[in-house]
Amino acid sequence: MGLKGKYRHFKGGEYEVLCVAKHSETGEEMVVYRALYEDGGVWVRPRNMFEETVEKDGKTFPRFTKIED
C-alpha cells in the first residue's frame, strides 16, 4: 500500500506522509511524516504503529485515516 498522502490522526491533527524509510540497524519500516499545523514538525513512527488501530472511549479507530492522496 502506498502511504504518501494526507492523514487525520484519531485525535484530530492532520499530517502528510513524506516517505517510508528503513531503520538502519533493524530494517524495520518507519513512516516519516510532518504535521500540517503549528510548526509543521517532522515525526517518525514504526509503520506497524502508524497502521494500527487504537481504542478511545470504548471505540476502536485507525490511528491515522487517509484523507487525500
N, C-alpha and C. Protein backbone atom coordinates (compact mmCIF):
# COMPACT_ATOMS: atom_id res chain seq x y z
N MET A 1 0.85 -1.19 0.00
CA MET A 1 0.00 0.00 0.00
C MET A 1 0.89 1.24 0.00
N GLY A 2 0.63 2.17 -0.93
CA GLY A 2 1.36 3.43 -0.94
C GLY A 2 0.84 4.32 0.18
N LEU A 3 1.73 4.82 0.99
CA LEU A 3 1.30 5.61 2.14
C LEU A 3 1.30 7.11 1.90
N LYS A 4 2.02 7.58 0.88
CA LYS A 4 2.10 9.04 0.69
C LYS A 4 0.71 9.64 0.59
N GLY A 5 0.54 10.80 1.22
CA GLY A 5 -0.73 11.49 1.20
C GLY A 5 -0.98 12.19 2.53
N LYS A 6 -2.19 12.71 2.68
CA LYS A 6 -2.57 13.42 3.90
C LYS A 6 -3.44 12.50 4.76
N TYR A 7 -3.23 12.60 6.06
CA TYR A 7 -3.92 11.75 7.03
C TYR A 7 -4.45 12.59 8.18
N ARG A 8 -5.50 12.08 8.81
CA ARG A 8 -6.00 12.67 10.04
C ARG A 8 -5.74 11.68 11.17
N HIS A 9 -5.11 12.17 12.23
CA HIS A 9 -4.86 11.36 13.42
C HIS A 9 -6.18 11.20 14.17
N PHE A 10 -6.33 10.11 14.88
CA PHE A 10 -7.60 9.87 15.57
C PHE A 10 -7.93 10.95 16.59
N LYS A 11 -6.93 11.72 17.02
CA LYS A 11 -7.18 12.83 17.95
C LYS A 11 -7.48 14.13 17.22
N GLY A 12 -7.37 14.12 15.86
CA GLY A 12 -7.79 15.29 15.09
C GLY A 12 -6.76 16.01 14.26
N GLY A 13 -5.48 15.93 14.58
CA GLY A 13 -4.47 16.65 13.81
C GLY A 13 -4.29 16.06 12.42
N GLU A 14 -3.88 16.90 11.47
CA GLU A 14 -3.63 16.44 10.11
C GLU A 14 -2.13 16.39 9.83
N TYR A 15 -1.74 15.39 9.03
CA TYR A 15 -0.33 15.11 8.76
C TYR A 15 -0.16 14.74 7.30
N GLU A 16 1.05 14.92 6.79
CA GLU A 16 1.40 14.49 5.45
C GLU A 16 2.51 13.46 5.56
N VAL A 17 2.30 12.28 4.99
CA VAL A 17 3.34 11.26 4.95
C VAL A 17 4.33 11.64 3.86
N LEU A 18 5.60 11.75 4.24
CA LEU A 18 6.65 12.13 3.30
C LEU A 18 7.27 10.92 2.61
N CYS A 19 7.50 9.85 3.39
CA CYS A 19 8.09 8.65 2.82
C CYS A 19 8.07 7.53 3.87
N VAL A 20 8.44 6.34 3.41
CA VAL A 20 8.68 5.21 4.31
C VAL A 20 10.18 4.95 4.25
N ALA A 21 10.82 4.91 5.41
CA ALA A 21 12.26 4.67 5.50
C ALA A 21 12.50 3.37 6.26
N LYS A 22 13.73 2.88 6.22
CA LYS A 22 14.08 1.68 6.97
C LYS A 22 15.06 2.03 8.08
N HIS A 23 14.82 1.48 9.26
CA HIS A 23 15.73 1.65 10.39
C HIS A 23 17.07 1.02 10.01
N SER A 24 18.16 1.73 10.22
CA SER A 24 19.48 1.28 9.76
C SER A 24 19.98 0.03 10.48
N GLU A 25 19.52 -0.23 11.69
CA GLU A 25 20.01 -1.38 12.44
C GLU A 25 19.09 -2.59 12.32
N THR A 26 17.78 -2.34 12.31
CA THR A 26 16.82 -3.45 12.36
C THR A 26 16.13 -3.72 11.03
N GLY A 27 16.17 -2.77 10.11
CA GLY A 27 15.45 -2.91 8.85
C GLY A 27 13.96 -2.65 8.97
N GLU A 28 13.49 -2.30 10.18
CA GLU A 28 12.07 -2.03 10.40
C GLU A 28 11.64 -0.82 9.57
N GLU A 29 10.46 -0.93 8.93
CA GLU A 29 9.94 0.19 8.16
C GLU A 29 9.41 1.26 9.10
N MET A 30 9.79 2.52 8.81
CA MET A 30 9.39 3.68 9.60
C MET A 30 8.69 4.67 8.68
N VAL A 31 7.60 5.24 9.16
CA VAL A 31 6.86 6.25 8.40
C VAL A 31 7.36 7.62 8.82
N VAL A 32 7.78 8.43 7.85
CA VAL A 32 8.25 9.79 8.10
C VAL A 32 7.12 10.73 7.68
N TYR A 33 6.65 11.55 8.62
CA TYR A 33 5.51 12.41 8.33
C TYR A 33 5.66 13.75 9.03
N ARG A 34 4.94 14.76 8.51
CA ARG A 34 5.03 16.09 9.10
C ARG A 34 3.65 16.60 9.45
N ALA A 35 3.62 17.37 10.51
CA ALA A 35 2.36 17.97 10.96
C ALA A 35 1.97 19.09 10.01
N LEU A 36 0.68 19.20 9.74
CA LEU A 36 0.16 20.26 8.88
C LEU A 36 -0.48 21.36 9.73
N TYR A 37 0.05 21.57 10.91
CA TYR A 37 -0.43 22.61 11.82
C TYR A 37 0.77 23.11 12.62
N GLU A 38 0.60 24.22 13.28
CA GLU A 38 1.65 24.85 14.10
C GLU A 38 2.98 24.91 13.38
N ASP A 39 4.04 24.35 13.96
CA ASP A 39 5.38 24.49 13.38
C ASP A 39 5.69 23.47 12.29
N GLY A 40 4.75 22.56 12.01
CA GLY A 40 4.97 21.56 10.95
C GLY A 40 6.10 20.61 11.27
N GLY A 41 6.26 20.25 12.54
CA GLY A 41 7.32 19.34 12.95
C GLY A 41 7.30 18.03 12.18
N VAL A 42 8.49 17.44 12.01
CA VAL A 42 8.63 16.17 11.31
C VAL A 42 8.77 15.06 12.34
N TRP A 43 8.04 13.95 12.09
CA TRP A 43 7.98 12.84 13.04
C TRP A 43 8.28 11.53 12.33
N VAL A 44 8.63 10.52 13.10
CA VAL A 44 8.84 9.18 12.56
C VAL A 44 8.18 8.20 13.53
N ARG A 45 7.55 7.18 12.95
CA ARG A 45 6.85 6.17 13.75
C ARG A 45 6.98 4.83 13.02
N PRO A 46 7.16 3.74 13.76
CA PRO A 46 7.18 2.44 13.09
C PRO A 46 5.91 2.24 12.26
N ARG A 47 6.06 1.69 11.06
CA ARG A 47 4.92 1.53 10.16
C ARG A 47 3.79 0.72 10.81
N ASN A 48 4.14 -0.33 11.56
CA ASN A 48 3.09 -1.13 12.17
C ASN A 48 2.28 -0.31 13.17
N MET A 49 2.90 0.64 13.85
CA MET A 49 2.16 1.53 14.76
C MET A 49 1.33 2.53 13.97
N PHE A 50 1.87 3.05 12.88
CA PHE A 50 1.16 4.02 12.06
C PHE A 50 -0.14 3.42 11.54
N GLU A 51 -0.10 2.15 11.16
CA GLU A 51 -1.26 1.49 10.55
C GLU A 51 -2.17 0.77 11.54
N GLU A 52 -1.84 0.78 12.82
CA GLU A 52 -2.64 0.03 13.79
C GLU A 52 -3.92 0.76 14.19
N THR A 53 -4.79 0.03 14.86
CA THR A 53 -5.99 0.62 15.42
C THR A 53 -5.76 0.91 16.89
N VAL A 54 -6.47 1.90 17.41
CA VAL A 54 -6.35 2.30 18.81
C VAL A 54 -7.76 2.37 19.40
N GLU A 55 -7.83 2.32 20.72
CA GLU A 55 -9.11 2.40 21.39
C GLU A 55 -9.21 3.71 22.17
N LYS A 56 -10.36 4.37 22.02
CA LYS A 56 -10.61 5.62 22.74
C LYS A 56 -12.09 5.63 23.12
N ASP A 57 -12.37 5.85 24.39
CA ASP A 57 -13.75 5.90 24.89
C ASP A 57 -14.54 4.65 24.50
N GLY A 58 -13.88 3.49 24.54
CA GLY A 58 -14.55 2.23 24.26
C GLY A 58 -14.77 1.94 22.78
N LYS A 59 -14.28 2.81 21.90
CA LYS A 59 -14.43 2.61 20.46
C LYS A 59 -13.06 2.41 19.83
N THR A 60 -13.04 1.67 18.73
CA THR A 60 -11.80 1.38 18.03
C THR A 60 -11.72 2.22 16.75
N PHE A 61 -10.55 2.82 16.54
CA PHE A 61 -10.31 3.68 15.37
C PHE A 61 -8.95 3.35 14.78
N PRO A 62 -8.77 3.59 13.45
CA PRO A 62 -7.41 3.56 12.93
C PRO A 62 -6.64 4.74 13.53
N ARG A 63 -5.37 4.54 13.85
CA ARG A 63 -4.58 5.64 14.41
C ARG A 63 -4.55 6.81 13.43
N PHE A 64 -4.36 6.52 12.13
CA PHE A 64 -4.35 7.52 11.08
C PHE A 64 -5.31 7.08 9.98
N THR A 65 -6.12 8.02 9.46
CA THR A 65 -7.04 7.76 8.36
C THR A 65 -6.65 8.63 7.19
N LYS A 66 -6.46 8.01 6.02
CA LYS A 66 -6.07 8.77 4.83
C LYS A 66 -7.23 9.64 4.38
N ILE A 67 -6.95 10.93 4.13
CA ILE A 67 -7.99 11.87 3.72
C ILE A 67 -7.73 12.44 2.32
N GLU A 68 -6.52 12.24 1.81
CA GLU A 68 -6.19 12.77 0.48
C GLU A 68 -4.92 12.10 -0.03
N ASP A 69 -4.91 11.77 -1.33
CA ASP A 69 -3.70 11.19 -1.94
C ASP A 69 -2.66 12.26 -2.18
